[in-house]
PDB file of N, CA and C in Angstrom:
ATOM      1  N   MET A   1    -124.671  73.907  52.113  1.00  0.00           N
ATOM      2  CA  MET A   1    -123.594  74.589  52.773  1.00  0.00           C
ATOM      3  C   MET A   1    -124.213  75.617  53.717  1.00  0.00           C
ATOM      4  N   LYS A   2    -123.719  75.659  54.940  1.00  0.00           N
ATOM      5  CA  LYS A   2    -124.227  76.605  55.926  1.00  0.00           C
ATOM      6  C   LYS A   2    -123.199  77.718  56.130  1.00  0.00           C
ATOM      7  N   LYS A   3    -123.680  78.915  56.424  1.00  0.00           N
ATOM      8  CA  LYS A   3    -122.806  80.058  56.671  1.00  0.00           C
ATOM      9  C   LYS A   3    -122.844  80.393  58.160  1.00  0.00           C
ATOM     10  N   TYR A   4    -121.656  80.699  58.711  1.00  0.00           N
ATOM     11  CA  TYR A   4    -121.547  81.046  60.113  1.00  0.00           C
ATOM     12  C   TYR A   4    -120.658  82.274  60.269  1.00  0.00           C
ATOM     13  N   GLU A   5    -120.868  82.983  61.363  1.00  0.00           N
ATOM     14  CA  GLU A   5    -119.986  84.074  61.749  1.00  0.00           C
ATOM     15  C   GLU A   5    -119.314  83.641  63.042  1.00  0.00           C
ATOM     16  N   ILE A   6    -117.979  83.674  63.046  1.00  0.00           N
ATOM     17  CA  ILE A   6    -117.214  83.233  64.202  1.00  0.00           C
ATOM     18  C   ILE A   6    -116.326  84.379  64.666  1.00  0.00           C
ATOM     19  N   GLU A   7    -116.278  84.599  65.971  1.00  0.00           N
ATOM     20  CA  GLU A   7    -115.408  85.623  66.531  1.00  0.00           C
ATOM     21  C   GLU A   7    -114.306  84.950  67.331  1.00  0.00           C
ATOM     22  N   ILE A   8    -113.053  85.286  67.000  1.00  0.00           N
ATOM     23  CA  ILE A   8    -111.894  84.740  67.700  1.00  0.00           C
ATOM     24  C   ILE A   8    -111.022  85.911  68.118  1.00  0.00           C
ATOM     25  N   ASP A   9    -110.816  86.057  69.406  1.00  0.00           N
ATOM     26  CA  ASP A   9    -110.004  87.147  69.955  1.00  0.00           C
ATOM     27  C   ASP A   9    -110.422  88.501  69.396  1.00  0.00           C
ATOM     28  N   GLY A  10    -111.715  88.737  69.301  1.00  0.00           N
ATOM     29  CA  GLY A  10    -112.228  90.022  68.837  1.00  0.00           C
ATOM     30  C   GLY A  10    -112.270  90.173  67.328  1.00  0.00           C
ATOM     31  N   GLN A  11    -111.726  89.235  66.594  1.00  0.00           N
ATOM     32  CA  GLN A  11    -111.719  89.285  65.125  1.00  0.00           C
ATOM     33  C   GLN A  11    -112.886  88.444  64.611  1.00  0.00           C
ATOM     34  N   VAL A  12    -113.720  89.022  63.744  1.00  0.00           N
ATOM     35  CA  VAL A  12    -114.890  88.326  63.218  1.00  0.00           C
ATOM     36  C   VAL A  12    -114.545  87.689  61.875  1.00  0.00           C
ATOM     37  N   TYR A  13    -114.884  86.407  61.728  1.00  0.00           N
ATOM     38  CA  TYR A  13    -114.654  85.660  60.490  1.00  0.00           C
ATOM     39  C   TYR A  13    -115.992  85.123  59.995  1.00  0.00           C
ATOM     40  N   HIS A  14    -116.189  85.173  58.686  1.00  0.00           N
ATOM     41  CA  HIS A  14    -117.365  84.570  58.067  1.00  0.00           C
ATOM     42  C   HIS A  14    -116.903  83.288  57.386  1.00  0.00           C
ATOM     43  N   VAL A  15    -117.546  82.180  57.722  1.00  0.00           N
ATOM     44  CA  VAL A  15    -117.143  80.883  57.171  1.00  0.00           C
ATOM     45  C   VAL A  15    -118.342  80.156  56.584  1.00  0.00           C
ATOM     46  N   LYS A  16    -118.057  79.303  55.622  1.00  0.00           N
ATOM     47  CA  LYS A  16    -119.056  78.403  55.057  1.00  0.00           C
ATOM     48  C   LYS A  16    -118.648  76.994  55.449  1.00  0.00           C
ATOM     49  N   VAL A  17    -119.604  76.182  55.865  1.00  0.00           N
ATOM     50  CA  VAL A  17    -119.319  74.825  56.305  1.00  0.00           C
ATOM     51  C   VAL A  17    -120.124  73.853  55.461  1.00  0.00           C
ATOM     52  N   LYS A  18    -119.442  72.834  54.972  1.00  0.00           N
ATOM     53  CA  LYS A  18    -120.088  71.825  54.154  1.00  0.00           C
ATOM     54  C   LYS A  18    -119.889  70.478  54.814  1.00  0.00           C
ATOM     55  N   GLU A  19    -120.955  69.690  54.902  1.00  0.00           N
ATOM     56  CA  GLU A  19    -120.866  68.358  55.477  1.00  0.00           C
ATOM     57  C   GLU A  19    -120.228  67.420  54.463  1.00  0.00           C
ATOM     58  N   LEU A  20    -119.272  66.613  54.935  1.00  0.00           N
ATOM     59  CA  LEU A  20    -118.550  65.681  54.073  1.00  0.00           C
ATOM     60  C   LEU A  20    -118.963  64.254  54.380  1.00  0.00           C
ATOM     61  N   PRO A  21    -118.834  63.352  53.411  1.00  0.00           N
ATOM     62  CA  PRO A  21    -119.117  61.940  53.686  1.00  0.00           C
ATOM     63  C   PRO A  21    -118.094  61.384  54.672  1.00  0.00           C
ATOM     64  N   ASP A  22    -118.447  60.284  55.333  1.00  0.00           N
ATOM     65  CA  ASP A  22    -117.588  59.697  56.357  1.00  0.00           C
ATOM     66  C   ASP A  22    -116.211  59.301  55.836  1.00  0.00           C
ATOM     67  N   ASP A  23    -116.091  58.957  54.552  1.00  0.00           N
ATOM     68  CA  ASP A  23    -114.802  58.507  54.023  1.00  0.00           C
ATOM     69  C   ASP A  23    -113.980  59.636  53.412  1.00  0.00           C
ATOM     70  N   ALA A  24    -114.394  60.879  53.599  1.00  0.00           N
ATOM     71  CA  ALA A  24    -113.669  62.020  53.035  1.00  0.00           C
ATOM     72  C   ALA A  24    -112.341  62.205  53.753  1.00  0.00           C
ATOM     73  N   VAL A  25    -111.313  62.659  53.007  1.00  0.00           N
ATOM     74  CA  VAL A  25    -110.009  62.957  53.583  1.00  0.00           C
ATOM     75  C   VAL A  25    -110.097  64.309  54.275  1.00  0.00           C
ATOM     76  N   MET A  26    -109.662  64.375  55.511  1.00  0.00           N
ATOM     77  CA  MET A  26    -109.740  65.615  56.275  1.00  0.00           C
ATOM     78  C   MET A  26    -108.582  66.537  55.919  1.00  0.00           C
ATOM     79  N   PRO A  27    -108.795  67.875  55.969  1.00  0.00           N
ATOM     80  CA  PRO A  27    -107.705  68.820  55.716  1.00  0.00           C
ATOM     81  C   PRO A  27    -106.529  68.543  56.635  1.00  0.00           C
ATOM     82  N   GLY A  28    -105.345  68.703  56.075  1.00  0.00           N
ATOM     83  CA  GLY A  28    -104.140  68.417  56.840  1.00  0.00           C
ATOM     84  C   GLY A  28    -103.588  67.047  56.515  1.00  0.00           C
ATOM     85  N   GLY A  29    -104.445  66.130  56.091  1.00  0.00           N
ATOM     86  CA  GLY A  29    -103.999  64.818  55.649  1.00  0.00           C
ATOM     87  C   GLY A  29    -103.730  64.889  54.158  1.00  0.00           C
ATOM     88  N   PRO A  30    -102.886  64.037  53.640  1.00  0.00           N
ATOM     89  CA  PRO A  30    -102.576  64.118  52.223  1.00  0.00           C
ATOM     90  C   PRO A  30    -103.770  63.741  51.359  1.00  0.00           C
ATOM     91  N   LYS A  31    -104.036  64.560  50.367  1.00  0.00           N
ATOM     92  CA  LYS A  31    -105.042  64.231  49.369  1.00  0.00           C
ATOM     93  C   LYS A  31    -104.275  63.821  48.132  1.00  0.00           C
ATOM     94  N   THR A  32    -104.723  62.792  47.480  1.00  0.00           N
ATOM     95  CA  THR A  32    -104.008  62.326  46.302  1.00  0.00           C
ATOM     96  C   THR A  32    -104.983  61.865  45.242  1.00  0.00           C
ATOM     97  N   GLU A  33    -104.490  61.831  44.024  1.00  0.00           N
ATOM     98  CA  GLU A  33    -105.210  61.219  42.913  1.00  0.00           C
ATOM     99  C   GLU A  33    -104.212  60.325  42.217  1.00  0.00           C
ATOM    100  N   THR A  34    -104.626  59.156  41.823  1.00  0.00           N
ATOM    101  CA  THR A  34    -103.737  58.280  41.079  1.00  0.00           C
ATOM    102  C   THR A  34    -103.927  58.549  39.595  1.00  0.00           C
ATOM    103  N   ASN A  35    -102.830  58.839  38.926  1.00  0.00           N
ATOM    104  CA  ASN A  35    -102.873  59.099  37.492  1.00  0.00           C
ATOM    105  C   ASN A  35    -102.382  57.879  36.744  1.00  0.00           C
ATOM    106  N   LYS A  36    -103.036  57.587  35.655  1.00  0.00           N
ATOM    107  CA  LYS A  36    -102.557  56.565  34.737  1.00  0.00           C
ATOM    108  C   LYS A  36    -102.133  57.312  33.481  1.00  0.00           C
ATOM    109  N   PRO A  37    -101.090  56.882  32.824  1.00  0.00           N
ATOM    110  CA  PRO A  37    -100.660  57.612  31.638  1.00  0.00           C
ATOM    111  C   PRO A  37    -101.765  57.639  30.583  1.00  0.00           C
ATOM    112  N   ALA A  38    -101.948  58.796  29.981  1.00  0.00           N
ATOM    113  CA  ALA A  38    -102.936  58.927  28.912  1.00  0.00           C
ATOM    114  C   ALA A  38    -102.408  58.188  27.689  1.00  0.00           C
ATOM    115  N   GLU A  39    -103.231  57.338  27.122  1.00  0.00           N
ATOM    116  CA  GLU A  39    -102.769  56.503  26.020  1.00  0.00           C
ATOM    117  C   GLU A  39    -102.563  57.288  24.735  1.00  0.00           C
ATOM    118  N   ASP A  40    -103.420  58.299  24.496  1.00  0.00           N
ATOM    119  CA  ASP A  40    -103.318  58.991  23.221  1.00  0.00           C
ATOM    120  C   ASP A  40    -102.640  60.347  23.325  1.00  0.00           C
ATOM    121  N   SER A  41    -102.887  61.107  24.398  1.00  0.00           N
ATOM    122  CA  SER A  41    -102.378  62.468  24.440  1.00  0.00           C
ATOM    123  C   SER A  41    -101.063  62.597  25.197  1.00  0.00           C
ATOM    124  N   GLY A  42    -100.775  61.682  26.133  1.00  0.00           N
ATOM    125  CA  GLY A  42     -99.557  61.783  26.916  1.00  0.00           C
ATOM    126  C   GLY A  42     -99.568  62.967  27.872  1.00  0.00           C
ATOM    127  N   THR A  43    -100.751  63.512  28.192  1.00  0.00           N
ATOM    128  CA  THR A  43    -100.811  64.711  29.022  1.00  0.00           C
ATOM    129  C   THR A  43    -100.647  64.413  30.504  1.00  0.00           C
ATOM    130  N   LEU A  44    -101.024  63.234  30.974  1.00  0.00           N
ATOM    131  CA  LEU A  44    -100.858  62.893  32.379  1.00  0.00           C
ATOM    132  C   LEU A  44     -99.583  62.102  32.573  1.00  0.00           C
ATOM    133  N   GLU A  45     -98.960  62.320  33.707  1.00  0.00           N
ATOM    134  CA  GLU A  45     -97.791  61.534  34.042  1.00  0.00           C
ATOM    135  C   GLU A  45     -98.221  60.439  35.000  1.00  0.00           C
ATOM    136  N   GLU A  46     -97.545  59.318  34.918  1.00  0.00           N
ATOM    137  CA  GLU A  46     -97.864  58.222  35.821  1.00  0.00           C
ATOM    138  C   GLU A  46     -97.411  58.597  37.219  1.00  0.00           C
ATOM    139  N   GLY A  47     -98.198  58.235  38.205  1.00  0.00           N
ATOM    140  CA  GLY A  47     -97.827  58.513  39.587  1.00  0.00           C
ATOM    141  C   GLY A  47     -99.033  58.961  40.383  1.00  0.00           C
ATOM    142  N   LYS A  48     -98.776  59.503  41.547  1.00  0.00           N
ATOM    143  CA  LYS A  48     -99.824  59.966  42.449  1.00  0.00           C
ATOM    144  C   LYS A  48     -99.719  61.473  42.554  1.00  0.00           C
ATOM    145  N   THR A  49    -100.798  62.172  42.248  1.00  0.00           N
ATOM    146  CA  THR A  49    -100.804  63.627  42.338  1.00  0.00           C
ATOM    147  C   THR A  49    -101.164  64.035  43.754  1.00  0.00           C
ATOM    148  N   MET A  50    -100.268  64.779  44.391  1.00  0.00           N
ATOM    149  CA  MET A  50    -100.518  65.306  45.730  1.00  0.00           C
ATOM    150  C   MET A  50    -101.283  66.614  45.552  1.00  0.00           C
ATOM    151  N   LEU A  51    -102.440  66.722  46.229  1.00  0.00           N
ATOM    152  CA  LEU A  51    -103.312  67.885  46.100  1.00  0.00           C
ATOM    153  C   LEU A  51    -103.240  68.755  47.347  1.00  0.00           C
ATOM    154  N   ALA A  52    -103.461  70.048  47.156  1.00  0.00           N
ATOM    155  CA  ALA A  52    -103.514  70.965  48.294  1.00  0.00           C
ATOM    156  C   ALA A  52    -104.731  70.611  49.149  1.00  0.00           C
ATOM    157  N   PRO A  53    -104.543  70.403  50.449  1.00  0.00           N
ATOM    158  CA  PRO A  53    -105.671  70.061  51.301  1.00  0.00           C
ATOM    159  C   PRO A  53    -106.580  71.249  51.589  1.00  0.00           C
ATOM    160  N   MET A  54    -106.065  72.471  51.334  1.00  0.00           N
ATOM    161  CA  MET A  54    -106.832  73.696  51.584  1.00  0.00           C
ATOM    162  C   MET A  54    -106.194  74.833  50.791  1.00  0.00           C
ATOM    163  N   ALA A  55    -106.926  75.923  50.648  1.00  0.00           N
ATOM    164  CA  ALA A  55    -106.383  77.095  49.976  1.00  0.00           C
ATOM    165  C   ALA A  55    -105.325  77.736  50.858  1.00  0.00           C
ATOM    166  N   GLY A  56    -104.295  78.302  50.249  1.00  0.00           N
ATOM    167  CA  GLY A  56    -103.242  78.956  51.021  1.00  0.00           C
ATOM    168  C   GLY A  56    -102.117  79.414  50.116  1.00  0.00           C
ATOM    169  N   THR A  57    -100.957  79.647  50.729  1.00  0.00           N
ATOM    170  CA  THR A  57     -99.774  80.114  50.027  1.00  0.00           C
ATOM    171  C   THR A  57     -98.640  79.123  50.249  1.00  0.00           C
ATOM    172  N   ILE A  58     -97.937  78.785  49.183  1.00  0.00           N
ATOM    173  CA  ILE A  58     -96.787  77.892  49.287  1.00  0.00           C
ATOM    174  C   ILE A  58     -95.643  78.665  49.934  1.00  0.00           C
ATOM    175  N   LEU A  59     -95.178  78.203  51.087  1.00  0.00           N
ATOM    176  CA  LEU A  59     -94.048  78.857  51.753  1.00  0.00           C
ATOM    177  C   LEU A  59     -92.721  78.293  51.263  1.00  0.00           C
ATOM    178  N   ARG A  60     -92.620  76.960  51.255  1.00  0.00           N
ATOM    179  CA  ARG A  60     -91.365  76.316  50.876  1.00  0.00           C
ATOM    180  C   ARG A  60     -91.625  75.020  50.119  1.00  0.00           C
ATOM    181  N   ILE A  61     -90.769  74.765  49.145  1.00  0.00           N
ATOM    182  CA  ILE A  61     -90.738  73.473  48.458  1.00  0.00           C
ATOM    183  C   ILE A  61     -89.503  72.766  49.018  1.00  0.00           C
ATOM    184  N   LEU A  62     -89.676  71.632  49.642  1.00  0.00           N
ATOM    185  CA  LEU A  62     -88.583  70.954  50.340  1.00  0.00           C
ATOM    186  C   LEU A  62     -87.926  69.856  49.518  1.00  0.00           C
ATOM    187  N   VAL A  63     -88.426  69.622  48.301  1.00  0.00           N
ATOM    188  CA  VAL A  63     -87.898  68.554  47.451  1.00  0.00           C
ATOM    189  C   VAL A  63     -87.647  69.097  46.045  1.00  0.00           C
ATOM    190  N   LYS A  64     -86.959  68.296  45.243  1.00  0.00           N
ATOM    191  CA  LYS A  64     -86.689  68.648  43.848  1.00  0.00           C
ATOM    192  C   LYS A  64     -87.185  67.521  42.955  1.00  0.00           C
ATOM    193  N   GLU A  65     -87.467  67.843  41.702  1.00  0.00           N
ATOM    194  CA  GLU A  65     -87.871  66.809  40.756  1.00  0.00           C
ATOM    195  C   GLU A  65     -86.753  65.782  40.639  1.00  0.00           C
ATOM    196  N   GLY A  66     -87.137  64.507  40.621  1.00  0.00           N
ATOM    197  CA  GLY A  66     -86.172  63.420  40.526  1.00  0.00           C
ATOM    198  C   GLY A  66     -85.685  62.919  41.877  1.00  0.00           C
ATOM    199  N   GLN A  67     -86.031  63.626  42.956  1.00  0.00           N
ATOM    200  CA  GLN A  67     -85.583  63.243  44.298  1.00  0.00           C
ATOM    201  C   GLN A  67     -86.377  62.054  44.826  1.00  0.00           C
ATOM    202  N   LYS A  68     -85.679  61.091  45.449  1.00  0.00           N
ATOM    203  CA  LYS A  68     -86.344  59.976  46.111  1.00  0.00           C
ATOM    204  C   LYS A  68     -86.819  60.446  47.474  1.00  0.00           C
ATOM    205  N   VAL A  69     -88.047  60.058  47.838  1.00  0.00           N
ATOM    206  CA  VAL A  69     -88.594  60.424  49.143  1.00  0.00           C
ATOM    207  C   VAL A  69     -89.156  59.184  49.824  1.00  0.00           C
ATOM    208  N   LYS A  70     -89.196  59.244  51.135  1.00  0.00           N
ATOM    209  CA  LYS A  70     -89.733  58.161  51.953  1.00  0.00           C
ATOM    210  C   LYS A  70     -91.108  58.549  52.469  1.00  0.00           C
ATOM    211  N   LYS A  71     -91.933  57.581  52.752  1.00  0.00           N
ATOM    212  CA  LYS A  71     -93.250  57.805  53.338  1.00  0.00           C
ATOM    213  C   LYS A  71     -93.091  58.646  54.606  1.00  0.00           C
ATOM    214  N   GLY A  72     -93.900  59.712  54.728  1.00  0.00           N
ATOM    215  CA  GLY A  72     -93.857  60.587  55.896  1.00  0.00           C
ATOM    216  C   GLY A  72     -92.906  61.765  55.760  1.00  0.00           C
ATOM    217  N   GLU A  73     -92.099  61.784  54.696  1.00  0.00           N
ATOM    218  CA  GLU A  73     -91.149  62.883  54.490  1.00  0.00           C
ATOM    219  C   GLU A  73     -91.897  64.153  54.068  1.00  0.00           C
ATOM    220  N   ASN A  74     -91.475  65.297  54.612  1.00  0.00           N
ATOM    221  CA  ASN A  74     -92.087  66.577  54.260  1.00  0.00           C
ATOM    222  C   ASN A  74     -91.721  66.958  52.827  1.00  0.00           C
ATOM    223  N   LEU A  75     -92.728  67.374  52.055  1.00  0.00           N
ATOM    224  CA  LEU A  75     -92.529  67.749  50.661  1.00  0.00           C
ATOM    225  C   LEU A  75     -92.672  69.257  50.455  1.00  0.00           C
ATOM    226  N   ILE A  76     -93.729  69.816  51.015  1.00  0.00           N
ATOM    227  CA  ILE A  76     -94.082  71.224  50.797  1.00  0.00           C
ATOM    228  C   ILE A  76     -94.630  71.786  52.104  1.00  0.00           C
ATOM    229  N   VAL A  77     -94.372  73.076  52.352  1.00  0.00           N
ATOM    230  CA  VAL A  77     -94.984  73.766  53.482  1.00  0.00           C
ATOM    231  C   VAL A  77     -95.981  74.769  52.915  1.00  0.00           C
ATOM    232  N   LEU A  78     -97.241  74.635  53.336  1.00  0.00           N
ATOM    233  CA  LEU A  78     -98.346  75.455  52.862  1.00  0.00           C
ATOM    234  C   LEU A  78     -98.865  76.285  54.030  1.00  0.00           C
ATOM    235  N   GLU A  79     -98.930  77.595  53.845  1.00  0.00           N
ATOM    236  CA  GLU A  79     -99.492  78.457  54.889  1.00  0.00           C
ATOM    237  C   GLU A  79    -100.966  78.699  54.589  1.00  0.00           C
ATOM    238  N   ALA A  80    -101.793  78.465  55.600  1.00  0.00           N
ATOM    239  CA  ALA A  80    -103.225  78.722  55.489  1.00  0.00           C
ATOM    240  C   ALA A  80    -103.702  79.253  56.830  1.00  0.00           C
ATOM    241  N   MET A  81    -104.383  80.372  56.818  1.00  0.00           N
ATOM    242  CA  MET A  81    -104.903  81.002  58.032  1.00  0.00           C
ATOM    243  C   MET A  81    -103.802  81.182  59.079  1.00  0.00           C
ATOM    244  N   LYS A  82    -102.634  81.649  58.625  1.00  0.00           N
ATOM    245  CA  LYS A  82    -101.482  81.950  59.481  1.00  0.00           C
ATOM    246  C   LYS A  82    -100.913  80.717  60.182  1.00  0.00           C
ATOM    247  N   MET A  83    -101.191  79.539  59.640  1.00  0.00           N
ATOM    248  CA  MET A  83    -100.627  78.303  60.183  1.00  0.00           C
ATOM    249  C   MET A  83     -99.838  77.602  59.085  1.00  0.00           C
ATOM    250  N   GLU A  84     -98.709  77.021  59.459  1.00  0.00           N
ATOM    251  CA  GLU A  84     -97.915  76.260  58.505  1.00  0.00           C
ATOM    252  C   GLU A  84     -98.385  74.811  58.504  1.00  0.00           C
ATOM    253  N   ASN A  85     -98.708  74.304  57.323  1.00  0.00           N
ATOM    254  CA  ASN A  85     -99.174  72.925  57.153  1.00  0.00           C
ATOM    255  C   ASN A  85     -98.158  72.186  56.296  1.00  0.00           C
ATOM    256  N   GLU A  86     -97.670  71.063  56.803  1.00  0.00           N
ATOM    257  CA  GLU A  86     -96.693  70.275  56.062  1.00  0.00           C
ATOM    258  C   GLU A  86     -97.420  69.250  55.201  1.00  0.00           C
ATOM    259  N   ILE A  87     -97.094  69.252  53.922  1.00  0.00           N
ATOM    260  CA  ILE A  87     -97.617  68.246  53.000  1.00  0.00           C
ATOM    261  C   ILE A  87     -96.564  67.140  52.960  1.00  0.00           C
ATOM    262  N   VAL A  88     -96.963  65.926  53.338  1.00  0.00           N
ATOM    263  CA  VAL A  88     -96.007  64.826  53.454  1.00  0.00           C
ATOM    264  C   VAL A  88     -96.298  63.728  52.436  1.00  0.00           C
ATOM    265  N   ALA A  89     -95.258  62.986  52.103  1.00  0.00           N
ATOM    266  CA  ALA A  89     -95.401  61.851  51.189  1.00  0.00           C
ATOM    267  C   ALA A  89     -96.192  60.753  51.882  1.00  0.00           C
ATOM    268  N   ASP A  90     -97.192  60.227  51.205  1.00  0.00           N
ATOM    269  CA  ASP A  90     -97.976  59.146  51.805  1.00  0.00           C
ATOM    270  C   ASP A  90     -97.452  57.768  51.401  1.00  0.00           C
ATOM    271  N   GLU A  91     -96.359  57.765  50.638  1.00  0.00           N
ATOM    272  CA  GLU A  91     -95.699  56.515  50.254  1.00  0.00           C
ATOM    273  C   GLU A  91     -94.291  56.836  49.783  1.00  0.00           C
ATOM    274  N   ASP A  92     -93.425  55.827  49.736  1.00  0.00           N
ATOM    275  CA  ASP A  92     -92.095  55.996  49.166  1.00  0.00           C
ATOM    276  C   ASP A  92     -92.241  56.258  47.677  1.00  0.00           C
ATOM    277  N   GLY A  93     -91.359  57.046  47.103  1.00  0.00           N
ATOM    278  CA  GLY A  93     -91.425  57.292  45.668  1.00  0.00           C
ATOM    279  C   GLY A  93     -90.388  58.283  45.198  1.00  0.00           C
ATOM    280  N   ILE A  94     -90.577  58.735  43.979  1.00  0.00           N
ATOM    281  CA  ILE A  94     -89.708  59.729  43.348  1.00  0.00           C
ATOM    282  C   ILE A  94     -90.578  60.908  42.951  1.00  0.00           C
ATOM    283  N   VAL A  95     -90.100  62.113  43.236  1.00  0.00           N
ATOM    284  CA  VAL A  95     -90.829  63.318  42.834  1.00  0.00           C
ATOM    285  C   VAL A  95     -90.688  63.438  41.322  1.00  0.00           C
ATOM    286  N   ARG A  96     -91.795  63.236  40.622  1.00  0.00           N
ATOM    287  CA  ARG A  96     -91.762  63.246  39.158  1.00  0.00           C
ATOM    288  C   ARG A  96     -91.932  64.641  38.579  1.00  0.00           C
ATOM    289  N   ARG A  97     -92.800  65.429  39.201  1.00  0.00           N
ATOM    290  CA  ARG A  97     -93.058  66.771  38.672  1.00  0.00           C
ATOM    291  C   ARG A  97     -93.592  67.654  39.794  1.00  0.00           C
ATOM    292  N   ILE A  98     -93.142  68.917  39.830  1.00  0.00           N
ATOM    293  CA  ILE A  98     -93.626  69.895  40.802  1.00  0.00           C
ATOM    294  C   ILE A  98     -94.361  70.982  40.026  1.00  0.00           C
ATOM    295  N   PHE A  99     -95.605  71.274  40.435  1.00  0.00           N
ATOM    296  CA  PHE A  99     -96.445  72.231  39.720  1.00  0.00           C
ATOM    297  C   PHE A  99     -96.432  73.637  40.326  1.00  0.00           C
ATOM    298  N   VAL A 100     -95.899  73.796  41.537  1.00  0.00           N
ATOM    299  CA  VAL A 100     -95.962  75.077  42.232  1.00  0.00           C
ATOM    300  C   VAL A 100     -94.563  75.546  42.604  1.00  0.00           C
ATOM    301  N   LYS A 101     -94.479  76.816  43.011  1.00  0.00           N
ATOM    302  CA  LYS A 101     -93.221  77.362  43.510  1.00  0.00           C
ATOM    303  C   LYS A 101     -93.519  78.210  44.734  1.00  0.00           C
ATOM    304  N   ALA A 102     -92.485  78.571  45.482  1.00  0.00           N
ATOM    305  CA  ALA A 102     -92.658  79.373  46.691  1.00  0.00           C
ATOM    306  C   ALA A 102     -93.415  80.653  46.362  1.00  0.00           C
ATOM    307  N   ASN A 103     -94.297  81.050  47.258  1.00  0.00           N
ATOM    308  CA  ASN A 103     -95.140  82.256  47.173  1.00  0.00           C
ATOM    309  C   ASN A 103     -96.341  82.110  46.246  1.00  0.00           C
ATOM    310  N   ASP A 104     -96.527  80.946  45.619  1.00  0.00           N
ATOM    311  CA  ASP A 104     -97.729  80.724  44.812  1.00  0.00           C
ATOM    312  C   ASP A 104     -98.946  80.613  45.724  1.00  0.00           C
ATOM    313  N   SER A 105    -100.052  81.181  45.296  1.00  0.00           N
ATOM    314  CA  SER A 105    -101.333  80.964  45.974  1.00  0.00           C
ATOM    315  C   SER A 105    -101.973  79.741  45.342  1.00  0.00           C
ATOM    316  N   VAL A 106    -102.526  78.874  46.176  1.00  0.00           N
ATOM    317  CA  VAL A 106    -103.172  77.664  45.670  1.00  0.00           C
ATOM    318  C   VAL A 106    -104.571  77.545  46.250  1.00  0.00           C
ATOM    319  N   GLU A 107    -105.427  76.854  45.523  1.00  0.00           N
ATOM    320  CA  GLU A 107    -106.787  76.574  45.964  1.00  0.00           C
ATOM    321  C   GLU A 107    -106.855  75.145  46.486  1.00  0.00           C
ATOM    322  N   SER A 108    -107.869  74.858  47.244  1.00  0.00           N
ATOM    323  CA  SER A 108    -108.092  73.508  47.736  1.00  0.00           C
ATOM    324  C   SER A 108    -108.205  72.545  46.557  1.00  0.00           C
ATOM    325  N   ASP A 109    -107.576  71.394  46.673  1.00  0.00           N
ATOM    326  CA  ASP A 109    -107.560  70.336  45.656  1.00  0.00           C
ATOM    327  C   ASP A 109    -106.736  70.674  44.418  1.00  0.00           C
ATOM    328  N   GLN A 110    -105.952  71.744  44.452  1.00  0.00           N
ATOM    329  CA  GLN A 110    -105.086  72.070  43.325  1.00  0.00           C
ATOM    330  C   GLN A 110    -103.883  71.125  43.345  1.00  0.00           C
ATOM    331  N   PRO A 111    -103.492  70.568  42.192  1.00  0.00           N
ATOM    332  CA  PRO A 111    -102.311  69.694  42.158  1.00  0.00           C
ATOM    333  C   PRO A 111    -101.049  70.443  42.574  1.00  0.00           C
ATOM    334  N   LEU A 112    -100.257  69.808  43.457  1.00  0.00           N
ATOM    335  CA  LEU A 112     -98.997  70.390  43.921  1.00  0.00           C
ATOM    336  C   LEU A 112     -97.803  69.711  43.262  1.00  0.00           C
ATOM    337  N   LEU A 113     -97.843  68.369  43.244  1.00  0.00           N
ATOM    338  CA  LEU A 113     -96.757  67.619  42.632  1.00  0.00           C
ATOM    339  C   LEU A 113     -97.212  66.205  42.316  1.00  0.00           C
ATOM    340  N   ILE A 114     -96.422  65.526  41.500  1.00  0.00           N
ATOM    341  CA  ILE A 114     -96.679  64.109  41.198  1.00  0.00           C
ATOM    342  C   ILE A 114     -95.558  63.308  41.826  1.00  0.00           C
ATOM    343  N   LEU A 115     -95.946  62.305  42.604  1.00  0.00           N
ATOM    344  CA  LEU A 115     -94.999  61.441  43.311  1.00  0.00           C
ATOM    345  C   LEU A 115     -95.022  60.078  42.663  1.00  0.00           C
TER     346      LEU A 115
END
């Protein structure tokens, strides 16, 4: 990981940059994990877990548990670095579980919901 100092409009920012493999999902695109139901503990729910693409604050939850959604539909609005990022459904489905609420701070790759 390399460290850089960047100045934007007179404001100095310190950033760390890490090289990613060619097949890595870029921030802003949906990150997901496919869950299979746990056979013994029942702790995971079946479905696709939508992950936060970056650290930030949840501004709005646009869906409810049990709601049917279409591919491309906005699910959550995440603010990061004073920009609003829309988390969208990458497939048709039903919102099975929501893990966050408005004003929650989230880290990169933190589960947001199961679709």
